[in-house]
Amino acid sequence: SAAASYKGDGSRLNPEALFVTAISSCQALTYLYLA
């Protein structure tokens, strides 16, 4: 859904959270691979 502040359902994931998640998870997986 959209973020709750944009009239979305706050109980669902939103594009902004998914964007942050994509970057965080890519960094983690790349770091763990290098480690």
All heavy atoms as atom14 arrays in JSON, in Angstrom:
{
  "sequence": "SAAASYKGDGSRLNPEALFVTAISSCQALTYLYLA",
  "atom14_mask": [
    [1, 1, 1, 1, 1, 1, 0, 0, 0, 0, 0, 0, 0, 0],
    [1, 1, 1, 1, 1, 0, 0, 0, 0, 0, 0, 0, 0, 0],
    [1, 1, 1, 1, 1, 0, 0, 0, 0, 0, 0, 0, 0, 0],
    [1, 1, 1, 1, 1, 0, 0, 0, 0, 0, 0, 0, 0, 0],
    [1, 1, 1, 1, 1, 1, 0, 0, 0, 0, 0, 0, 0, 0],
    [1, 1, 1, 1, 1, 1, 1, 1, 1, 1, 1, 1, 0, 0],
    [1, 1, 1, 1, 1, 1, 1, 1, 1, 0, 0, 0, 0, 0],
    [1, 1, 1, 1, 0, 0, 0, 0, 0, 0, 0, 0, 0, 0],
    [1, 1, 1, 1, 1, 1, 1, 1, 0, 0, 0, 0, 0, 0],
    [1, 1, 1, 1, 0, 0, 0, 0, 0, 0, 0, 0, 0, 0],
    [1, 1, 1, 1, 1, 1, 0, 0, 0, 0, 0, 0, 0, 0],
    [1, 1, 1, 1, 1, 1, 1, 1, 1, 1, 1, 0, 0, 0],
    [1, 1, 1, 1, 1, 1, 1, 1, 0, 0, 0, 0, 0, 0],
    [1, 1, 1, 1, 1, 1, 1, 1, 0, 0, 0, 0, 0, 0],
    [1, 1, 1, 1, 1, 1, 1, 0, 0, 0, 0, 0, 0, 0],
    [1, 1, 1, 1, 1, 1, 1, 1, 1, 0, 0, 0, 0, 0],
    [1, 1, 1, 1, 1, 0, 0, 0, 0, 0, 0, 0, 0, 0],
    [1, 1, 1, 1, 1, 1, 1, 1, 0, 0, 0, 0, 0, 0],
    [1, 1, 1, 1, 1, 1, 1, 1, 1, 1, 1, 0, 0, 0],
    [1, 1, 1, 1, 1, 1, 1, 0, 0, 0, 0, 0, 0, 0],
    [1, 1, 1, 1, 1, 1, 1, 0, 0, 0, 0, 0, 0, 0],
    [1, 1, 1, 1, 1, 0, 0, 0, 0, 0, 0, 0, 0, 0],
    [1, 1, 1, 1, 1, 1, 1, 1, 0, 0, 0, 0, 0, 0],
    [1, 1, 1, 1, 1, 1, 0, 0, 0, 0, 0, 0, 0, 0],
    [1, 1, 1, 1, 1, 1, 0, 0, 0, 0, 0, 0, 0, 0],
    [1, 1, 1, 1, 1, 1, 0, 0, 0, 0, 0, 0, 0, 0],
    [1, 1, 1, 1, 1, 1, 1, 1, 1, 0, 0, 0, 0, 0],
    [1, 1, 1, 1, 1, 0, 0, 0, 0, 0, 0, 0, 0, 0],
    [1, 1, 1, 1, 1, 1, 1, 1, 0, 0, 0, 0, 0, 0],
    [1, 1, 1, 1, 1, 1, 1, 0, 0, 0, 0, 0, 0, 0],
    [1, 1, 1, 1, 1, 1, 1, 1, 1, 1, 1, 1, 0, 0],
    [1, 1, 1, 1, 1, 1, 1, 1, 0, 0, 0, 0, 0, 0],
    [1, 1, 1, 1, 1, 1, 1, 1, 1, 1, 1, 1, 0, 0],
    [1, 1, 1, 1, 1, 1, 1, 1, 0, 0, 0, 0, 0, 0],
    [1, 1, 1, 1, 1, 0, 0, 0, 0, 0, 0, 0, 0, 0]
  ],
  "atom14_positions": [
    [[0.87, -1.17, 0.0], [0.0, 0.0, 0.0], [0.9, 1.22, 0.0], [2.12, 1.1, 0.08], [-0.9, 0.01, 1.24], [-1.89, 1.01, 1.13], [0.0, 0.0, 0.0], [0.0, 0.0, 0.0], [0.0, 0.0, 0.0], [0.0, 0.0, 0.0], [0.0, 0.0, 0.0], [0.0, 0.0, 0.0], [0.0, 0.0, 0.0], [0.0, 0.0, 0.0]],
    [[0.31, 2.39, -0.07], [1.07, 3.62, 0.14], [1.38, 3.71, 1.62], [0.76, 3.04, 2.46], [0.24, 4.82, -0.32], [0.0, 0.0, 0.0], [0.0, 0.0, 0.0], [0.0, 0.0, 0.0], [0.0, 0.0, 0.0], [0.0, 0.0, 0.0], [0.0, 0.0, 0.0], [0.0, 0.0, 0.0], [0.0, 0.0, 0.0], [0.0, 0.0, 0.0]],
    [[2.35, 4.55, 1.97], [2.63, 4.81, 3.38], [1.38, 5.41, 4.02], [0.57, 6.07, 3.35], [3.81, 5.77, 3.51], [0.0, 0.0, 0.0], [0.0, 0.0, 0.0], [0.0, 0.0, 0.0], [0.0, 0.0, 0.0], [0.0, 0.0, 0.0], [0.0, 0.0, 0.0], [0.0, 0.0, 0.0], [0.0, 0.0, 0.0], [0.0, 0.0, 0.0]],
    [[1.2, 5.18, 5.3], [0.01, 5.68, 5.99], [-0.14, 7.2, 5.83], [-1.25, 7.71, 5.71], [0.06, 5.3, 7.47], [0.0, 0.0, 0.0], [0.0, 0.0, 0.0], [0.0, 0.0, 0.0], [0.0, 0.0, 0.0], [0.0, 0.0, 0.0], [0.0, 0.0, 0.0], [0.0, 0.0, 0.0], [0.0, 0.0, 0.0], [0.0, 0.0, 0.0]],
    [[0.98, 7.92, 5.81], [0.92, 9.37, 5.66], [0.42, 9.8, 4.28], [0.1, 10.97, 4.07], [2.29, 9.99, 5.93], [3.27, 9.41, 5.1], [0.0, 0.0, 0.0], [0.0, 0.0, 0.0], [0.0, 0.0, 0.0], [0.0, 0.0, 0.0], [0.0, 0.0, 0.0], [0.0, 0.0, 0.0], [0.0, 0.0, 0.0], [0.0, 0.0, 0.0]],
    [[0.36, 8.84, 3.35], [-0.16, 9.11, 2.0], [-1.47, 8.35, 1.76], [-1.75, 7.88, 0.67], [0.88, 8.75, 0.94], [2.07, 9.68, 1.0], [3.21, 9.31, 1.7], [2.02, 10.92, 0.41], [4.29, 10.17, 1.79], [3.09, 11.79, 0.5], [4.23, 11.41, 1.19], [5.3, 12.27, 1.29], [0.0, 0.0, 0.0], [0.0, 0.0, 0.0]],
    [[-2.24, 8.19, 2.84], [-3.56, 7.55, 2.81], [-3.51, 6.06, 2.51], [-4.47, 5.48, 2.01], [-4.49, 8.26, 1.82], [-4.73, 9.72, 2.14], [-5.71, 10.33, 1.17], [-5.94, 11.79, 1.49], [-6.9, 12.4, 0.6], [0.0, 0.0, 0.0], [0.0, 0.0, 0.0], [0.0, 0.0, 0.0], [0.0, 0.0, 0.0], [0.0, 0.0, 0.0]],
    [[-2.38, 5.43, 2.81], [-2.25, 4.0, 2.6], [-2.57, 3.22, 3.87], [-2.82, 3.79, 4.93], [0.0, 0.0, 0.0], [0.0, 0.0, 0.0], [0.0, 0.0, 0.0], [0.0, 0.0, 0.0], [0.0, 0.0, 0.0], [0.0, 0.0, 0.0], [0.0, 0.0, 0.0], [0.0, 0.0, 0.0], [0.0, 0.0, 0.0], [0.0, 0.0, 0.0]],
    [[-2.55, 1.92, 3.74], [-2.79, 1.0, 4.84], [-1.46, 0.78, 5.56], [-0.56, 0.12, 5.04], [-3.34, -0.33, 4.29], [-3.62, -1.35, 5.36], [-3.15, -1.2, 6.51], [-4.32, -2.33, 5.04], [0.0, 0.0, 0.0], [0.0, 0.0, 0.0], [0.0, 0.0, 0.0], [0.0, 0.0, 0.0], [0.0, 0.0, 0.0], [0.0, 0.0, 0.0]],
    [[-1.33, 1.33, 6.74], [-0.09, 1.25, 7.51], [0.3, -0.15, 7.94], [1.43, -0.37, 8.37], [0.0, 0.0, 0.0], [0.0, 0.0, 0.0], [0.0, 0.0, 0.0], [0.0, 0.0, 0.0], [0.0, 0.0, 0.0], [0.0, 0.0, 0.0], [0.0, 0.0, 0.0], [0.0, 0.0, 0.0], [0.0, 0.0, 0.0], [0.0, 0.0, 0.0]],
    [[-0.59, -1.12, 7.8], [-0.25, -2.5, 8.17], [0.43, -3.24, 7.02], [0.84, -4.38, 7.18], [-1.51, -3.25, 8.62], [-2.36, -3.5, 7.51], [0.0, 0.0, 0.0], [0.0, 0.0, 0.0], [0.0, 0.0, 0.0], [0.0, 0.0, 0.0], [0.0, 0.0, 0.0], [0.0, 0.0, 0.0], [0.0, 0.0, 0.0], [0.0, 0.0, 0.0]],
    [[0.5, -2.59, 5.85], [1.14, -3.21, 4.68], [2.49, -2.54, 4.39], [2.7, -1.39, 4.77], [0.25, -3.05, 3.44], [-1.04, -3.85, 3.51], [-1.94, -3.53, 2.33], [-3.06, -4.45, 2.28], [-3.43, -5.12, 1.19], [-2.77, -4.96, 0.06], [-4.45, -5.93, 1.23], [0.0, 0.0, 0.0], [0.0, 0.0, 0.0], [0.0, 0.0, 0.0]],
    [[3.34, -3.28, 3.72], [4.6, -2.69, 3.27], [4.32, -1.6, 2.24], [3.3, -1.65, 1.55], [5.49, -3.75, 2.63], [6.13, -4.74, 3.59], [6.8, -5.87, 2.83], [7.14, -4.04, 4.48], [0.0, 0.0, 0.0], [0.0, 0.0, 0.0], [0.0, 0.0, 0.0], [0.0, 0.0, 0.0], [0.0, 0.0, 0.0], [0.0, 0.0, 0.0]],
    [[5.22, -0.64, 2.13], [5.07, 0.42, 1.15], [6.34, 0.54, 0.32], [7.38, -0.01, 0.69], [4.7, 1.74, 1.84], [5.77, 2.18, 2.82], [6.89, 2.47, 2.43], [5.41, 2.24, 4.1], [0.0, 0.0, 0.0], [0.0, 0.0, 0.0], [0.0, 0.0, 0.0], [0.0, 0.0, 0.0], [0.0, 0.0, 0.0], [0.0, 0.0, 0.0]],
    [[6.29, 1.23, -0.82], [7.46, 1.32, -1.69], [8.69, 1.93, -1.01], [9.82, 1.5, -1.27], [6.99, 2.22, -2.85], [5.51, 2.06, -2.87], [5.11, 1.86, -1.43], [0.0, 0.0, 0.0], [0.0, 0.0, 0.0], [0.0, 0.0, 0.0], [0.0, 0.0, 0.0], [0.0, 0.0, 0.0], [0.0, 0.0, 0.0], [0.0, 0.0, 0.0]],
    [[8.48, 2.9, -0.12], [9.61, 3.52, 0.56], [10.34, 2.51, 1.46], [11.57, 2.44, 1.46], [9.13, 4.72, 1.38], [8.5, 5.83, 0.56], [7.02, 5.64, 0.23], [6.42, 4.6, 0.61], [6.45, 6.53, -0.41], [0.0, 0.0, 0.0], [0.0, 0.0, 0.0], [0.0, 0.0, 0.0], [0.0, 0.0, 0.0], [0.0, 0.0, 0.0]],
    [[9.57, 1.73, 2.2], [10.18, 0.71, 3.07], [10.88, -0.36, 2.24], [11.96, -0.83, 2.61], [9.11, 0.07, 3.97], [0.0, 0.0, 0.0], [0.0, 0.0, 0.0], [0.0, 0.0, 0.0], [0.0, 0.0, 0.0], [0.0, 0.0, 0.0], [0.0, 0.0, 0.0], [0.0, 0.0, 0.0], [0.0, 0.0, 0.0], [0.0, 0.0, 0.0]],
    [[10.29, -0.73, 1.12], [10.92, -1.72, 0.25], [12.22, -1.2, -0.36], [13.18, -1.94, -0.51], [9.96, -2.15, -0.85], [8.75, -2.96, -0.38], [7.76, -3.15, -1.53], [9.18, -4.3, 0.18], [0.0, 0.0, 0.0], [0.0, 0.0, 0.0], [0.0, 0.0, 0.0], [0.0, 0.0, 0.0], [0.0, 0.0, 0.0], [0.0, 0.0, 0.0]],
    [[12.26, 0.08, -0.68], [13.47, 0.71, -1.2], [14.6, 0.61, -0.18], [15.72, 0.18, -0.5], [13.17, 2.18, -1.54], [14.29, 2.92, -2.19], [14.54, 2.8, -3.54], [15.08, 3.78, -1.45], [15.57, 3.5, -4.15], [16.1, 4.49, -2.04], [16.35, 4.36, -3.4], [0.0, 0.0, 0.0], [0.0, 0.0, 0.0], [0.0, 0.0, 0.0]],
    [[14.3, 0.98, 1.07], [15.29, 0.9, 2.14], [15.71, -0.55, 2.36], [16.9, -0.86, 2.52], [14.75, 1.53, 3.44], [15.71, 1.32, 4.61], [14.48, 3.02, 3.24], [0.0, 0.0, 0.0], [0.0, 0.0, 0.0], [0.0, 0.0, 0.0], [0.0, 0.0, 0.0], [0.0, 0.0, 0.0], [0.0, 0.0, 0.0], [0.0, 0.0, 0.0]],
    [[14.75, -1.46, 2.34], [15.02, -2.89, 2.53], [15.94, -3.43, 1.43], [16.85, -4.22, 1.71], [13.71, -3.69, 2.57], [12.91, -3.18, 3.63], [13.96, -5.16, 2.77], [0.0, 0.0, 0.0], [0.0, 0.0, 0.0], [0.0, 0.0, 0.0], [0.0, 0.0, 0.0], [0.0, 0.0, 0.0], [0.0, 0.0, 0.0], [0.0, 0.0, 0.0]],
    [[15.7, -3.02, 0.2], [16.53, -3.5, -0.92], [17.98, -3.09, -0.72], [18.91, -3.89, -0.92], [16.0, -2.97, -2.24], [0.0, 0.0, 0.0], [0.0, 0.0, 0.0], [0.0, 0.0, 0.0], [0.0, 0.0, 0.0], [0.0, 0.0, 0.0], [0.0, 0.0, 0.0], [0.0, 0.0, 0.0], [0.0, 0.0, 0.0], [0.0, 0.0, 0.0]],
    [[18.21, -1.86, -0.3], [19.57, -1.39, -0.11], [20.21, -2.06, 1.1], [21.35, -2.53, 1.04], [19.59, 0.15, 0.02], [19.14, 0.76, -1.31], [20.97, 0.66, 0.41], [18.77, 2.19, -1.24], [0.0, 0.0, 0.0], [0.0, 0.0, 0.0], [0.0, 0.0, 0.0], [0.0, 0.0, 0.0], [0.0, 0.0, 0.0], [0.0, 0.0, 0.0]],
    [[19.48, -2.16, 2.2], [20.0, -2.79, 3.4], [20.35, -4.26, 3.16], [21.42, -4.73, 3.55], [18.98, -2.68, 4.53], [19.4, -3.38, 5.67], [0.0, 0.0, 0.0], [0.0, 0.0, 0.0], [0.0, 0.0, 0.0], [0.0, 0.0, 0.0], [0.0, 0.0, 0.0], [0.0, 0.0, 0.0], [0.0, 0.0, 0.0], [0.0, 0.0, 0.0]],
    [[19.46, -4.98, 2.51], [19.7, -6.41, 2.29], [20.82, -6.65, 1.29], [21.6, -7.59, 1.43], [18.42, -7.13, 1.87], [17.89, -6.58, 0.7], [0.0, 0.0, 0.0], [0.0, 0.0, 0.0], [0.0, 0.0, 0.0], [0.0, 0.0, 0.0], [0.0, 0.0, 0.0], [0.0, 0.0, 0.0], [0.0, 0.0, 0.0], [0.0, 0.0, 0.0]],
    [[20.93, -5.8, 0.27], [22.03, -5.95, -0.69], [23.37, -5.7, 0.01], [24.34, -6.43, -0.2], [21.85, -5.0, -1.87], [23.08, -5.24, -3.18], [0.0, 0.0, 0.0], [0.0, 0.0, 0.0], [0.0, 0.0, 0.0], [0.0, 0.0, 0.0], [0.0, 0.0, 0.0], [0.0, 0.0, 0.0], [0.0, 0.0, 0.0], [0.0, 0.0, 0.0]],
    [[23.43, -4.66, 0.84], [24.66, -4.38, 1.59], [25.01, -5.56, 2.49], [26.16, -6.01, 2.53], [24.5, -3.11, 2.44], [25.65, -2.82, 3.39], [26.93, -2.38, 2.73], [26.92, -1.86, 1.62], [28.05, -2.59, 3.39], [0.0, 0.0, 0.0], [0.0, 0.0, 0.0], [0.0, 0.0, 0.0], [0.0, 0.0, 0.0], [0.0, 0.0, 0.0]],
    [[24.02, -6.09, 3.2], [24.26, -7.22, 4.11], [24.77, -8.44, 3.36], [25.77, -9.05, 3.76], [22.99, -7.57, 4.87], [0.0, 0.0, 0.0], [0.0, 0.0, 0.0], [0.0, 0.0, 0.0], [0.0, 0.0, 0.0], [0.0, 0.0, 0.0], [0.0, 0.0, 0.0], [0.0, 0.0, 0.0], [0.0, 0.0, 0.0], [0.0, 0.0, 0.0]],
    [[24.1, -8.8, 2.28], [24.5, -10.0, 1.53], [25.87, -9.83, 0.88], [26.67, -10.78, 0.85], [23.44, -10.35, 0.49], [22.11, -10.82, 1.08], [21.04, -10.88, 0.0], [22.27, -12.16, 1.77], [0.0, 0.0, 0.0], [0.0, 0.0, 0.0], [0.0, 0.0, 0.0], [0.0, 0.0, 0.0], [0.0, 0.0, 0.0], [0.0, 0.0, 0.0]],
    [[26.17, -8.63, 0.4], [27.49, -8.38, -0.19], [28.55, -8.43, 0.89], [29.62, -9.03, 0.7], [27.51, -7.02, -0.93], [26.45, -7.01, -1.89], [28.83, -6.81, -1.63], [0.0, 0.0, 0.0], [0.0, 0.0, 0.0], [0.0, 0.0, 0.0], [0.0, 0.0, 0.0], [0.0, 0.0, 0.0], [0.0, 0.0, 0.0], [0.0, 0.0, 0.0]],
    [[28.28, -7.84, 2.05], [29.22, -7.88, 3.16], [29.48, -9.31, 3.62], [30.63, -9.73, 3.78], [28.72, -7.04, 4.35], [29.72, -7.07, 5.48], [30.79, -6.19, 5.49], [29.62, -8.0, 6.51], [31.74, -6.25, 6.5], [30.56, -8.07, 7.51], [31.63, -7.19, 7.51], [32.58, -7.27, 8.51], [0.0, 0.0, 0.0], [0.0, 0.0, 0.0]],
    [[28.41, -10.08, 3.8], [28.57, -11.46, 4.26], [29.35, -12.3, 3.26], [30.18, -13.13, 3.64], [27.2, -12.08, 4.55], [26.46, -11.45, 5.74], [25.02, -11.92, 5.79], [27.19, -11.74, 7.05], [0.0, 0.0, 0.0], [0.0, 0.0, 0.0], [0.0, 0.0, 0.0], [0.0, 0.0, 0.0], [0.0, 0.0, 0.0], [0.0, 0.0, 0.0]],
    [[29.14, -12.07, 1.97], [29.9, -12.77, 0.93], [31.39, -12.43, 1.04], [32.24, -13.31, 1.04], [29.36, -12.39, -0.45], [30.23, -12.87, -1.58], [30.22, -14.2, -1.98], [31.08, -11.99, -2.24], [31.03, -14.64, -3.02], [31.9, -12.42, -3.27], [31.87, -13.75, -3.65], [32.68, -14.19, -4.67], [0.0, 0.0, 0.0], [0.0, 0.0, 0.0]],
    [[31.69, -11.13, 1.16], [33.09, -10.72, 1.27], [33.73, -11.24, 2.55], [34.9, -11.65, 2.55], [33.2, -9.19, 1.2], [32.84, -8.55, -0.13], [32.86, -7.03, -0.01], [33.79, -9.02, -1.23], [0.0, 0.0, 0.0], [0.0, 0.0, 0.0], [0.0, 0.0, 0.0], [0.0, 0.0, 0.0], [0.0, 0.0, 0.0], [0.0, 0.0, 0.0]],
    [[32.97, -11.22, 3.64], [33.5, -11.72, 4.92], [33.81, -13.22, 4.82], [34.85, -13.68, 5.29], [32.5, -11.45, 6.04], [0.0, 0.0, 0.0], [0.0, 0.0, 0.0], [0.0, 0.0, 0.0], [0.0, 0.0, 0.0], [0.0, 0.0, 0.0], [0.0, 0.0, 0.0], [0.0, 0.0, 0.0], [0.0, 0.0, 0.0], [0.0, 0.0, 0.0]]
  ]
}
